[in-house]
Amino acid sequence: MGLIDRLRGRGGRGAGAAGRGRRGTLDRASGSADLSHLEQFVATRRGVEGYVEPRTAVTETTILLVAADGEWTRRRIDGPETARRLSRDLAVPVYDAQITGYPQRMRDWSSRQRDDDKL
């Protein structure tokens, strides 16, 4: 069984019809493409940390991955427990974004990207 199958559970509860029926947000559910992207990000960057962002009325729970250079990516995930399991499986430290906030290197990287776009 692959990592994505383990995170979703054998019956695929997180992505199945029962999982969708109880969602109360305007956002789509997470999918295998989201998990694959997160795995790829961790595999191709160094010093990655995860920040779990809570579910809101508009979006599902998300995980924000930030690399050592500040590059970041955000994807939907089936919930905080799935985010923690994913982080454990990928050997990435994980934090609660509401408690720790975001690292300065992430803001610096975003600022550099905006400056580069102006050139």
PDB file of N, CA and C in Angstrom:
ATOM      1  N   MET A   1       0.853  -1.167   0.000  1.00  0.00           N
ATOM      2  CA  MET A   1       0.000   0.000   0.000  1.00  0.00           C
ATOM      3  C   MET A   1       0.901   1.232   0.000  1.00  0.00           C
ATOM      4  N   GLY A   2       0.601   2.204  -0.836  1.00  0.00           N
ATOM      5  CA  GLY A   2       1.397   3.412  -0.952  1.00  0.00           C
ATOM      6  C   GLY A   2       1.107   4.417   0.144  1.00  0.00           C
ATOM      7  N   LEU A   3       1.916   5.441   0.205  1.00  0.00           N
ATOM      8  CA  LEU A   3       1.756   6.493   1.202  1.00  0.00           C
ATOM      9  C   LEU A   3       0.389   7.148   1.103  1.00  0.00           C
ATOM     10  N   ILE A   4      -0.039   7.436  -0.101  1.00  0.00           N
ATOM     11  CA  ILE A   4      -1.335   8.093  -0.287  1.00  0.00           C
ATOM     12  C   ILE A   4      -2.458   7.200   0.217  1.00  0.00           C
ATOM     13  N   ASP A   5      -2.385   5.887  -0.074  1.00  0.00           N
ATOM     14  CA  ASP A   5      -3.406   4.959   0.410  1.00  0.00           C
ATOM     15  C   ASP A   5      -3.423   4.909   1.931  1.00  0.00           C
ATOM     16  N   ARG A   6      -2.234   4.900   2.554  1.00  0.00           N
ATOM     17  CA  ARG A   6      -2.177   4.869   4.016  1.00  0.00           C
ATOM     18  C   ARG A   6      -2.784   6.121   4.620  1.00  0.00           C
ATOM     19  N   LEU A   7      -2.517   7.279   4.014  1.00  0.00           N
ATOM     20  CA  LEU A   7      -3.037   8.529   4.562  1.00  0.00           C
ATOM     21  C   LEU A   7      -4.549   8.607   4.426  1.00  0.00           C
ATOM     22  N   ARG A   8      -5.066   8.054   3.369  1.00  0.00           N
ATOM     23  CA  ARG A   8      -6.506   8.102   3.142  1.00  0.00           C
ATOM     24  C   ARG A   8      -7.243   7.006   3.889  1.00  0.00           C
ATOM     25  N   GLY A   9      -6.553   5.985   4.316  1.00  0.00           N
ATOM     26  CA  GLY A   9      -7.208   4.847   4.946  1.00  0.00           C
ATOM     27  C   GLY A   9      -7.568   3.834   3.872  1.00  0.00           C
ATOM     28  N   ARG A  10      -7.667   2.606   4.230  1.00  0.00           N
ATOM     29  CA  ARG A  10      -7.893   1.551   3.239  1.00  0.00           C
ATOM     30  C   ARG A  10      -9.166   1.734   2.460  1.00  0.00           C
ATOM     31  N   GLY A  11     -10.216   2.213   3.091  1.00  0.00           N
ATOM     32  CA  GLY A  11     -11.479   2.400   2.391  1.00  0.00           C
ATOM     33  C   GLY A  11     -11.554   3.722   1.660  1.00  0.00           C
ATOM     34  N   GLY A  12     -10.520   4.556   1.780  1.00  0.00           N
ATOM     35  CA  GLY A  12     -10.547   5.852   1.119  1.00  0.00           C
ATOM     36  C   GLY A  12     -11.585   6.783   1.713  1.00  0.00           C
ATOM     37  N   ARG A  13     -11.845   6.644   3.002  1.00  0.00           N
ATOM     38  CA  ARG A  13     -12.898   7.430   3.645  1.00  0.00           C
ATOM     39  C   ARG A  13     -12.778   8.920   3.404  1.00  0.00           C
ATOM     40  N   GLY A  14     -11.559   9.453   3.434  1.00  0.00           N
ATOM     41  CA  GLY A  14     -11.378  10.894   3.290  1.00  0.00           C
ATOM     42  C   GLY A  14     -11.829  11.424   1.955  1.00  0.00           C
ATOM     43  N   ALA A  15     -11.778  10.608   0.927  1.00  0.00           N
ATOM     44  CA  ALA A  15     -12.130  11.082  -0.404  1.00  0.00           C
ATOM     45  C   ALA A  15     -13.439  10.502  -0.893  1.00  0.00           C
ATOM     46  N   GLY A  16     -14.019   9.585  -0.140  1.00  0.00           N
ATOM     47  CA  GLY A  16     -15.236   8.923  -0.590  1.00  0.00           C
ATOM     48  C   GLY A  16     -16.463   9.795  -0.467  1.00  0.00           C
ATOM     49  N   ALA A  17     -17.577   9.262  -0.935  1.00  0.00           N
ATOM     50  CA  ALA A  17     -18.832  10.011  -0.918  1.00  0.00           C
ATOM     51  C   ALA A  17     -19.235  10.386   0.502  1.00  0.00           C
ATOM     52  N   ALA A  18     -18.997   9.493   1.447  1.00  0.00           N
ATOM     53  CA  ALA A  18     -19.364   9.811   2.825  1.00  0.00           C
ATOM     54  C   ALA A  18     -18.565  10.995   3.340  1.00  0.00           C
ATOM     55  N   GLY A  19     -17.290  11.077   2.983  1.00  0.00           N
ATOM     56  CA  GLY A  19     -16.451  12.194   3.410  1.00  0.00           C
ATOM     57  C   GLY A  19     -16.910  13.498   2.802  1.00  0.00           C
ATOM     58  N   ARG A  20     -17.302  13.473   1.540  1.00  0.00           N
ATOM     59  CA  ARG A  20     -17.743  14.702   0.880  1.00  0.00           C
ATOM     60  C   ARG A  20     -19.073  15.194   1.439  1.00  0.00           C
ATOM     61  N   GLY A  21     -19.940  14.262   1.809  1.00  0.00           N
ATOM     62  CA  GLY A  21     -21.266  14.642   2.273  1.00  0.00           C
ATOM     63  C   GLY A  21     -21.260  15.439   3.557  1.00  0.00           C
ATOM     64  N   ARG A  22     -20.232  15.295   4.366  1.00  0.00           N
ATOM     65  CA  ARG A  22     -20.234  16.005   5.638  1.00  0.00           C
ATOM     66  C   ARG A  22     -19.391  17.263   5.613  1.00  0.00           C
ATOM     67  N   ARG A  23     -18.826  17.586   4.506  1.00  0.00           N
ATOM     68  CA  ARG A  23     -18.022  18.802   4.408  1.00  0.00           C
ATOM     69  C   ARG A  23     -18.941  20.018   4.394  1.00  0.00           C
ATOM     70  N   GLY A  24     -18.528  21.048   5.115  1.00  0.00           N
ATOM     71  CA  GLY A  24     -19.343  22.243   5.189  1.00  0.00           C
ATOM     72  C   GLY A  24     -18.636  23.470   4.656  1.00  0.00           C
ATOM     73  N   THR A  25     -17.718  23.298   3.712  1.00  0.00           N
ATOM     74  CA  THR A  25     -16.994  24.432   3.161  1.00  0.00           C
ATOM     75  C   THR A  25     -17.323  24.588   1.691  1.00  0.00           C
ATOM     76  N   LEU A  26     -16.875  25.686   1.126  1.00  0.00           N
ATOM     77  CA  LEU A  26     -17.077  25.945  -0.293  1.00  0.00           C
ATOM     78  C   LEU A  26     -15.930  25.382  -1.125  1.00  0.00           C
ATOM     79  N   ASP A  27     -14.957  24.798  -0.479  1.00  0.00           N
ATOM     80  CA  ASP A  27     -13.738  24.314  -1.108  1.00  0.00           C
ATOM     81  C   ASP A  27     -13.898  22.868  -1.561  1.00  0.00           C
ATOM     82  N   ARG A  28     -13.035  22.441  -2.477  1.00  0.00           N
ATOM     83  CA  ARG A  28     -13.032  21.038  -2.876  1.00  0.00           C
ATOM     84  C   ARG A  28     -12.234  20.230  -1.861  1.00  0.00           C
ATOM     85  N   ALA A  29     -12.435  18.938  -1.868  1.00  0.00           N
ATOM     86  CA  ALA A  29     -11.689  18.053  -0.976  1.00  0.00           C
ATOM     87  C   ALA A  29     -10.272  17.868  -1.502  1.00  0.00           C
ATOM     88  N   SER A  30      -9.391  17.412  -0.625  1.00  0.00           N
ATOM     89  CA  SER A  30      -8.035  17.122  -1.083  1.00  0.00           C
ATOM     90  C   SER A  30      -8.061  15.863  -1.934  1.00  0.00           C
ATOM     91  N   GLY A  31      -7.058  15.724  -2.776  1.00  0.00           N
ATOM     92  CA  GLY A  31      -6.989  14.563  -3.648  1.00  0.00           C
ATOM     93  C   GLY A  31      -5.584  14.005  -3.703  1.00  0.00           C
ATOM     94  N   SER A  32      -5.428  12.931  -4.447  1.00  0.00           N
ATOM     95  CA  SER A  32      -4.112  12.303  -4.545  1.00  0.00           C
ATOM     96  C   SER A  32      -3.103  13.227  -5.223  1.00  0.00           C
ATOM     97  N   ALA A  33      -3.563  14.099  -6.115  1.00  0.00           N
ATOM     98  CA  ALA A  33      -2.650  15.059  -6.754  1.00  0.00           C
ATOM     99  C   ALA A  33      -2.065  16.015  -5.715  1.00  0.00           C
ATOM    100  N   ASP A  34      -2.874  16.408  -4.725  1.00  0.00           N
ATOM    101  CA  ASP A  34      -2.381  17.277  -3.652  1.00  0.00           C
ATOM    102  C   ASP A  34      -1.283  16.572  -2.857  1.00  0.00           C
ATOM    103  N   LEU A  35      -1.543  15.323  -2.471  1.00  0.00           N
ATOM    104  CA  LEU A  35      -0.553  14.579  -1.689  1.00  0.00           C
ATOM    105  C   LEU A  35       0.711  14.315  -2.499  1.00  0.00           C
ATOM    106  N   SER A  36       0.561  14.014  -3.768  1.00  0.00           N
ATOM    107  CA  SER A  36       1.732  13.792  -4.630  1.00  0.00           C
ATOM    108  C   SER A  36       2.577  15.060  -4.734  1.00  0.00           C
ATOM    109  N   HIS A  37       1.912  16.202  -4.856  1.00  0.00           N
ATOM    110  CA  HIS A  37       2.640  17.472  -4.933  1.00  0.00           C
ATOM    111  C   HIS A  37       3.439  17.709  -3.652  1.00  0.00           C
ATOM    112  N   LEU A  38       2.831  17.442  -2.509  1.00  0.00           N
ATOM    113  CA  LEU A  38       3.520  17.635  -1.234  1.00  0.00           C
ATOM    114  C   LEU A  38       4.729  16.708  -1.123  1.00  0.00           C
ATOM    115  N   GLU A  39       4.556  15.447  -1.512  1.00  0.00           N
ATOM    116  CA  GLU A  39       5.678  14.499  -1.488  1.00  0.00           C
ATOM    117  C   GLU A  39       6.815  14.984  -2.389  1.00  0.00           C
ATOM    118  N   GLN A  40       6.464  15.455  -3.574  1.00  0.00           N
ATOM    119  CA  GLN A  40       7.460  15.943  -4.540  1.00  0.00           C
ATOM    120  C   GLN A  40       8.198  17.164  -3.980  1.00  0.00           C
ATOM    121  N   PHE A  41       7.459  18.065  -3.344  1.00  0.00           N
ATOM    122  CA  PHE A  41       8.066  19.266  -2.775  1.00  0.00           C
ATOM    123  C   PHE A  41       9.112  18.883  -1.733  1.00  0.00           C
ATOM    124  N   VAL A  42       8.748  17.971  -0.835  1.00  0.00           N
ATOM    125  CA  VAL A  42       9.675  17.548   0.221  1.00  0.00           C
ATOM    126  C   VAL A  42      10.891  16.839  -0.376  1.00  0.00           C
ATOM    127  N   ALA A  43      10.672  16.030  -1.397  1.00  0.00           N
ATOM    128  CA  ALA A  43      11.763  15.259  -1.997  1.00  0.00           C
ATOM    129  C   ALA A  43      12.763  16.135  -2.746  1.00  0.00           C
ATOM    130  N   THR A  44      12.340  17.307  -3.188  1.00  0.00           N
ATOM    131  CA  THR A  44      13.206  18.141  -4.029  1.00  0.00           C
ATOM    132  C   THR A  44      13.688  19.419  -3.342  1.00  0.00           C
ATOM    133  N   ARG A  45      13.374  19.588  -2.082  1.00  0.00           N
ATOM    134  CA  ARG A  45      13.840  20.755  -1.316  1.00  0.00           C
ATOM    135  C   ARG A  45      14.485  20.279  -0.027  1.00  0.00           C
ATOM    136  N   ARG A  46      15.299  21.138   0.562  1.00  0.00           N
ATOM    137  CA  ARG A  46      15.909  20.777   1.847  1.00  0.00           C
ATOM    138  C   ARG A  46      15.337  21.651   2.958  1.00  0.00           C
ATOM    139  N   GLY A  47      15.391  21.129   4.170  1.00  0.00           N
ATOM    140  CA  GLY A  47      14.959  21.888   5.333  1.00  0.00           C
ATOM    141  C   GLY A  47      13.485  22.228   5.354  1.00  0.00           C
ATOM    142  N   VAL A  48      12.632  21.328   4.883  1.00  0.00           N
ATOM    143  CA  VAL A  48      11.195  21.614   4.786  1.00  0.00           C
ATOM    144  C   VAL A  48      10.526  21.453   6.148  1.00  0.00           C
ATOM    145  N   GLU A  49       9.643  22.407   6.465  1.00  0.00           N
ATOM    146  CA  GLU A  49       8.804  22.354   7.664  1.00  0.00           C
ATOM    147  C   GLU A  49       7.355  22.486   7.231  1.00  0.00           C
ATOM    148  N   GLY A  50       6.451  21.879   8.018  1.00  0.00           N
ATOM    149  CA  GLY A  50       5.030  21.945   7.708  1.00  0.00           C
ATOM    150  C   GLY A  50       4.280  22.807   8.707  1.00  0.00           C
ATOM    151  N   TYR A  51       3.282  23.533   8.209  1.00  0.00           N
ATOM    152  CA  TYR A  51       2.425  24.377   9.043  1.00  0.00           C
ATOM    153  C   TYR A  51       0.980  24.025   8.732  1.00  0.00           C
ATOM    154  N   VAL A  52       0.264  23.485   9.721  1.00  0.00           N
ATOM    155  CA  VAL A  52      -1.127  23.090   9.524  1.00  0.00           C
ATOM    156  C   VAL A  52      -2.014  24.306   9.726  1.00  0.00           C
ATOM    157  N   GLU A  53      -2.862  24.561   8.727  1.00  0.00           N
ATOM    158  CA  GLU A  53      -3.803  25.681   8.778  1.00  0.00           C
ATOM    159  C   GLU A  53      -5.206  25.117   8.968  1.00  0.00           C
ATOM    160  N   PRO A  54      -5.973  25.667   9.897  1.00  0.00           N
ATOM    161  CA  PRO A  54      -7.271  25.083  10.227  1.00  0.00           C
ATOM    162  C   PRO A  54      -8.310  25.251   9.119  1.00  0.00           C
ATOM    163  N   ARG A  55      -9.289  24.407   9.174  1.00  0.00           N
ATOM    164  CA  ARG A  55     -10.440  24.491   8.290  1.00  0.00           C
ATOM    165  C   ARG A  55     -11.198  25.779   8.603  1.00  0.00           C
ATOM    166  N   THR A  56     -11.710  26.417   7.568  1.00  0.00           N
ATOM    167  CA  THR A  56     -12.533  27.618   7.744  1.00  0.00           C
ATOM    168  C   THR A  56     -13.865  27.393   7.047  1.00  0.00           C
ATOM    169  N   ALA A  57     -14.708  28.404   7.036  1.00  0.00           N
ATOM    170  CA  ALA A  57     -15.993  28.305   6.341  1.00  0.00           C
ATOM    171  C   ALA A  57     -15.798  28.227   4.832  1.00  0.00           C
ATOM    172  N   VAL A  58     -14.644  28.650   4.355  1.00  0.00           N
ATOM    173  CA  VAL A  58     -14.394  28.703   2.913  1.00  0.00           C
ATOM    174  C   VAL A  58     -13.443  27.607   2.446  1.00  0.00           C
ATOM    175  N   THR A  59     -12.456  27.243   3.254  1.00  0.00           N
ATOM    176  CA  THR A  59     -11.461  26.255   2.823  1.00  0.00           C
ATOM    177  C   THR A  59     -11.359  25.093   3.797  1.00  0.00           C
ATOM    178  N   GLU A  60     -10.958  23.964   3.250  1.00  0.00           N
ATOM    179  CA  GLU A  60     -10.663  22.795   4.070  1.00  0.00           C
ATOM    180  C   GLU A  60      -9.340  23.024   4.800  1.00  0.00           C
ATOM    181  N   THR A  61      -8.985  22.104   5.675  1.00  0.00           N
ATOM    182  CA  THR A  61      -7.686  22.147   6.337  1.00  0.00           C
ATOM    183  C   THR A  61      -6.602  22.113   5.270  1.00  0.00           C
ATOM    184  N   THR A  62      -5.570  22.917   5.450  1.00  0.00           N
ATOM    185  CA  THR A  62      -4.454  22.927   4.507  1.00  0.00           C
ATOM    186  C   THR A  62      -3.149  22.731   5.262  1.00  0.00           C
ATOM    187  N   ILE A  63      -2.144  22.313   4.522  1.00  0.00           N
ATOM    188  CA  ILE A  63      -0.795  22.248   5.068  1.00  0.00           C
ATOM    189  C   ILE A  63       0.083  23.104   4.172  1.00  0.00           C
ATOM    190  N   LEU A  64       0.853  23.938   4.807  1.00  0.00           N
ATOM    191  CA  LEU A  64       1.788  24.815   4.113  1.00  0.00           C
ATOM    192  C   LEU A  64       3.179  24.246   4.367  1.00  0.00           C
ATOM    193  N   LEU A  65       3.900  23.921   3.305  1.00  0.00           N
ATOM    194  CA  LEU A  65       5.273  23.442   3.437  1.00  0.00           C
ATOM    195  C   LEU A  65       6.214  24.576   3.071  1.00  0.00           C
ATOM    196  N   VAL A  66       7.215  24.810   3.921  1.00  0.00           N
ATOM    197  CA  VAL A  66       8.184  25.886   3.698  1.00  0.00           C
ATOM    198  C   VAL A  66       9.583  25.283   3.697  1.00  0.00           C
ATOM    199  N   ALA A  67      10.326  25.514   2.611  1.00  0.00           N
ATOM    200  CA  ALA A  67      11.698  25.011   2.487  1.00  0.00           C
ATOM    201  C   ALA A  67      12.667  25.956   3.197  1.00  0.00           C
ATOM    202  N   ALA A  68      13.909  25.519   3.327  1.00  0.00           N
ATOM    203  CA  ALA A  68      14.930  26.309   4.022  1.00  0.00           C
ATOM    204  C   ALA A  68      15.152  27.670   3.379  1.00  0.00           C
ATOM    205  N   ASP A  69      14.992  27.759   2.056  1.00  0.00           N
ATOM    206  CA  ASP A  69      15.196  29.043   1.370  1.00  0.00           C
ATOM    207  C   ASP A  69      13.949  29.924   1.383  1.00  0.00           C
ATOM    208  N   GLY A  70      12.857  29.433   1.983  1.00  0.00           N
ATOM    209  CA  GLY A  70      11.630  30.213   2.072  1.00  0.00           C
ATOM    210  C   GLY A  70      10.598  29.870   1.021  1.00  0.00           C
ATOM    211  N   GLU A  71      10.981  29.104  -0.001  1.00  0.00           N
ATOM    212  CA  GLU A  71       9.997  28.695  -1.008  1.00  0.00           C
ATOM    213  C   GLU A  71       8.901  27.895  -0.305  1.00  0.00           C
ATOM    214  N   TRP A  72       7.670  28.097  -0.726  1.00  0.00           N
ATOM    215  CA  TRP A  72       6.563  27.448  -0.031  1.00  0.00           C
ATOM    216  C   TRP A  72       5.497  26.964  -1.004  1.00  0.00           C
ATOM    217  N   THR A  73       4.687  26.039  -0.498  1.00  0.00           N
ATOM    218  CA  THR A  73       3.540  25.529  -1.241  1.00  0.00           C
ATOM    219  C   THR A  73       2.442  25.197  -0.242  1.00  0.00           C
ATOM    220  N   ARG A  74       1.214  25.335  -0.673  1.00  0.00           N
ATOM    221  CA  ARG A  74       0.060  25.074   0.193  1.00  0.00           C
ATOM    222  C   ARG A  74      -0.883  24.131  -0.549  1.00  0.00           C
ATOM    223  N   ARG A  75      -1.368  23.106   0.155  1.00  0.00           N
ATOM    224  CA  ARG A  75      -2.323  22.173  -0.435  1.00  0.00           C
ATOM    225  C   ARG A  75      -3.365  21.767   0.602  1.00  0.00           C
ATOM    226  N   ARG A  76      -4.529  21.408   0.100  1.00  0.00           N
ATOM    227  CA  ARG A  76      -5.592  20.896   0.958  1.00  0.00           C
ATOM    228  C   ARG A  76      -5.177  19.533   1.490  1.00  0.00           C
ATOM    229  N   ILE A  77      -5.695  19.222   2.672  1.00  0.00           N
ATOM    230  CA  ILE A  77      -5.430  17.926   3.281  1.00  0.00           C
ATOM    231  C   ILE A  77      -6.680  17.535   4.059  1.00  0.00           C
ATOM    232  N   ASP A  78      -6.885  16.254   4.275  1.00  0.00           N
ATOM    233  CA  ASP A  78      -8.138  15.775   4.862  1.00  0.00           C
ATOM    234  C   ASP A  78      -8.358  16.162   6.317  1.00  0.00           C
ATOM    235  N   GLY A  79      -7.391  16.713   6.975  1.00  0.00           N
ATOM    236  CA  GLY A  79      -7.567  17.149   8.352  1.00  0.00           C
ATOM    237  C   GLY A  79      -6.234  17.231   9.070  1.00  0.00           C
ATOM    238  N   PRO A  80      -6.243  17.766  10.283  1.00  0.00           N
ATOM    239  CA  PRO A  80      -4.999  17.926  11.042  1.00  0.00           C
ATOM    240  C   PRO A  80      -4.272  16.604  11.295  1.00  0.00           C
ATOM    241  N   GLU A  81      -5.018  15.541  11.575  1.00  0.00           N
ATOM    242  CA  GLU A  81      -4.376  14.249  11.823  1.00  0.00           C
ATOM    243  C   GLU A  81      -3.670  13.734  10.575  1.00  0.00           C
ATOM    244  N   THR A  82      -4.286  13.916   9.418  1.00  0.00           N
ATOM    245  CA  THR A  82      -3.656  13.508   8.163  1.00  0.00           C
ATOM    246  C   THR A  82      -2.387  14.319   7.934  1.00  0.00           C
ATOM    247  N   ALA A  83      -2.429  15.595   8.238  1.00  0.00           N
ATOM    248  CA  ALA A  83      -1.244  16.448   8.087  1.00  0.00           C
ATOM    249  C   ALA A  83      -0.118  15.968   8.989  1.00  0.00           C
ATOM    250  N   ARG A  84      -0.445  15.603  10.210  1.00  0.00           N
ATOM    251  CA  ARG A  84       0.574  15.128  11.135  1.00  0.00           C
ATOM    252  C   ARG A  84       1.147  13.776  10.688  1.00  0.00           C
ATOM    253  N   ARG A  85       0.268  12.889  10.204  1.00  0.00           N
ATOM    254  CA  ARG A  85       0.738  11.592   9.687  1.00  0.00           C
ATOM    255  C   ARG A  85       1.652  11.785   8.481  1.00  0.00           C
ATOM    256  N   LEU A  86       1.243  12.662   7.561  1.00  0.00           N
ATOM    257  CA  LEU A  86       2.052  12.944   6.374  1.00  0.00           C
ATOM    258  C   LEU A  86       3.418  13.482   6.790  1.00  0.00           C
ATOM    259  N   SER A  87       3.423  14.419   7.712  1.00  0.00           N
ATOM    260  CA  SER A  87       4.680  15.004   8.184  1.00  0.00           C
ATOM    261  C   SER A  87       5.572  13.949   8.822  1.00  0.00           C
ATOM    262  N   ARG A  88       4.978  13.074   9.601  1.00  0.00           N
ATOM    263  CA  ARG A  88       5.753  11.992  10.223  1.00  0.00           C
ATOM    264  C   ARG A  88       6.333  11.064   9.147  1.00  0.00           C
ATOM    265  N   ASP A  89       5.495  10.666   8.184  1.00  0.00           N
ATOM    266  CA  ASP A  89       5.949   9.753   7.130  1.00  0.00           C
ATOM    267  C   ASP A  89       7.044  10.369   6.264  1.00  0.00           C
ATOM    268  N   LEU A  90       6.995  11.676   6.062  1.00  0.00           N
ATOM    269  CA  LEU A  90       7.991  12.360   5.233  1.00  0.00           C
ATOM    270  C   LEU A  90       9.154  12.921   6.052  1.00  0.00           C
ATOM    271  N   ALA A  91       9.139  12.686   7.368  1.00  0.00           N
ATOM    272  CA  ALA A  91      10.185  13.167   8.283  1.00  0.00           C
ATOM    273  C   ALA A  91      10.329  14.686   8.218  1.00  0.00           C
ATOM    274  N   VAL A  92       9.182  15.373   8.296  1.00  0.00           N
ATOM    275  CA  VAL A  92       9.137  16.832   8.247  1.00  0.00           C
ATOM    276  C   VAL A  92       8.522  17.323   9.559  1.00  0.00           C
ATOM    277  N   PRO A  93       9.175  18.257  10.261  1.00  0.00           N
ATOM    278  CA  PRO A  93       8.546  18.800  11.466  1.00  0.00           C
ATOM    279  C   PRO A  93       7.266  19.544  11.097  1.00  0.00           C
ATOM    280  N   VAL A  94       6.275  19.480  11.972  1.00  0.00           N
ATOM    281  CA  VAL A  94       4.995  20.124  11.685  1.00  0.00           C
ATOM    282  C   VAL A  94       4.595  20.999  12.868  1.00  0.00           C
ATOM    283  N   TYR A  95       4.021  22.158  12.543  1.00  0.00           N
ATOM    284  CA  TYR A  95       3.602  23.124  13.553  1.00  0.00           C
ATOM    285  C   TYR A  95       2.170  23.551  13.280  1.00  0.00           C
ATOM    286  N   ASP A  96       1.512  24.048  14.297  1.00  0.00           N
ATOM    287  CA  ASP A  96       0.175  24.614  14.149  1.00  0.00           C
ATOM    288  C   ASP A  96       0.347  26.090  13.790  1.00  0.00           C
ATOM    289  N   ALA A  97      -0.079  26.472  12.597  1.00  0.00           N
ATOM    290  CA  ALA A  97       0.124  27.843  12.111  1.00  0.00           C
ATOM    291  C   ALA A  97      -0.549  28.878  13.006  1.00  0.00           C
ATOM    292  N   GLN A  98      -1.653  28.518  13.653  1.00  0.00           N
ATOM    293  CA  GLN A  98      -2.331  29.471  14.537  1.00  0.00           C
ATOM    294  C   GLN A  98      -1.514  29.770  15.784  1.00  0.00           C
ATOM    295  N   ILE A  99      -0.670  28.850  16.173  1.00  0.00           N
ATOM    296  CA  ILE A  99       0.125  29.034  17.387  1.00  0.00           C
ATOM    297  C   ILE A  99       1.488  29.642  17.067  1.00  0.00           C
ATOM    298  N   THR A 100       2.170  29.097  16.067  1.00  0.00           N
ATOM    299  CA  THR A 100       3.542  29.531  15.786  1.00  0.00           C
ATOM    300  C   THR A 100       3.640  30.665  14.779  1.00  0.00           C
ATOM    301  N   GLY A 101       2.619  30.839  13.958  1.00  0.00           N
ATOM    302  CA  GLY A 101       2.727  31.795  12.864  1.00  0.00           C
ATOM    303  C   GLY A 101       3.584  31.201  11.765  1.00  0.00           C
ATOM    304  N   TYR A 102       3.985  32.041  10.811  1.00  0.00           N
ATOM    305  CA  TYR A 102       4.769  31.583   9.671  1.00  0.00           C
ATOM    306  C   TYR A 102       6.192  32.103   9.783  1.00  0.00           C
ATOM    307  N   PRO A 103       7.160  31.369   9.236  1.00  0.00           N
ATOM    308  CA  PRO A 103       8.555  31.811   9.334  1.00  0.00           C
ATOM    309  C   PRO A 103       8.832  33.031   8.455  1.00  0.00           C
ATOM    310  N   GLN A 104       9.714  33.883   8.926  1.00  0.00           N
ATOM    311  CA  GLN A 104      10.075  35.093   8.190  1.00  0.00           C
ATOM    312  C   GLN A 104      10.647  34.762   6.814  1.00  0.00           C
ATOM    313  N   ARG A 105      11.364  33.656   6.711  1.00  0.00           N
ATOM    314  CA  ARG A 105      11.968  33.305   5.415  1.00  0.00           C
ATOM    315  C   ARG A 105      10.918  33.114   4.328  1.00  0.00           C
ATOM    316  N   MET A 106       9.720  32.703   4.713  1.00  0.00           N
ATOM    317  CA  MET A 106       8.634  32.550   3.742  1.00  0.00           C
ATOM    318  C   MET A 106       8.213  33.915   3.196  1.00  0.00           C
ATOM    319  N   ARG A 107       8.054  34.879   4.072  1.00  0.00           N
ATOM    320  CA  ARG A 107       7.685  36.233   3.636  1.00  0.00           C
ATOM    321  C   ARG A 107       8.794  36.856   2.798  1.00  0.00           C
ATOM    322  N   ASP A 108      10.047  36.614   3.190  1.00  0.00           N
ATOM    323  CA  ASP A 108      11.182  37.137   2.425  1.00  0.00           C
ATOM    324  C   ASP A 108      11.208  36.550   1.017  1.00  0.00           C
ATOM    325  N   TRP A 109      10.977  35.249   0.901  1.00  0.00           N
ATOM    326  CA  TRP A 109      10.967  34.594  -0.412  1.00  0.00           C
ATOM    327  C   TRP A 109       9.856  35.169  -1.286  1.00  0.00           C
ATOM    328  N   SER A 110       8.659  35.335  -0.715  1.00  0.00           N
ATOM    329  CA  SER A 110       7.533  35.895  -1.476  1.00  0.00           C
ATOM    330  C   SER A 110       7.844  37.311  -1.942  1.00  0.00           C
ATOM    331  N   SER A 111       8.482  38.084  -1.087  1.00  0.00           N
ATOM    332  CA  SER A 111       8.859  39.453  -1.445  1.00  0.00           C
ATOM    333  C   SER A 111       9.867  39.456  -2.594  1.00  0.00           C
ATOM    334  N   ARG A 112      10.848  38.562  -2.533  1.00  0.00           N
ATOM    335  CA  ARG A 112      11.832  38.459  -3.621  1.00  0.00           C
ATOM    336  C   ARG A 112      11.162  38.070  -4.938  1.00  0.00           C
ATOM    337  N   GLN A 113      10.183  37.182  -4.870  1.00  0.00           N
ATOM    338  CA  GLN A 113       9.478  36.762  -6.089  1.00  0.00           C
ATOM    339  C   GLN A 113       8.712  37.933  -6.701  1.00  0.00           C
ATOM    340  N   ARG A 114       8.074  38.733  -5.855  1.00  0.00           N
ATOM    341  CA  ARG A 114       7.349  39.916  -6.353  1.00  0.00           C
ATOM    342  C   ARG A 114       8.317  40.905  -6.988  1.00  0.00           C
ATOM    343  N   ASP A 115       9.464  41.107  -6.342  1.00  0.00           N
ATOM    344  CA  ASP A 115      10.472  42.027  -6.885  1.00  0.00           C
ATOM    345  C   ASP A 115      10.996  41.536  -8.227  1.00  0.00           C
ATOM    346  N   ASP A 116      11.213  40.231  -8.359  1.00  0.00           N
ATOM    347  CA  ASP A 116      11.685  39.658  -9.626  1.00  0.00           C
ATOM    348  C   ASP A 116      10.647  39.818 -10.729  1.00  0.00           C
ATOM    349  N   ASP A 117       9.374  39.740 -10.384  1.00  0.00           N
ATOM    350  CA  ASP A 117       8.302  39.889 -11.376  1.00  0.00           C
ATOM    351  C   ASP A 117       8.239  41.306 -11.929  1.00  0.00           C
ATOM    352  N   LYS A 118       8.695  42.281 -11.140  1.00  0.00           N
ATOM    353  CA  LYS A 118       8.659  43.680 -11.580  1.00  0.00           C
ATOM    354  C   LYS A 118       9.744  43.989 -12.602  1.00  0.00           C
ATOM    355  N   LEU A 119      10.792  43.171 -12.632  1.00  0.00           N
ATOM    356  CA  LEU A 119      11.919  43.419 -13.554  1.00  0.00           C
ATOM    357  C   LEU A 119      11.570  43.088 -14.975  1.00  0.00           C
TER     358      LEU A 119
END
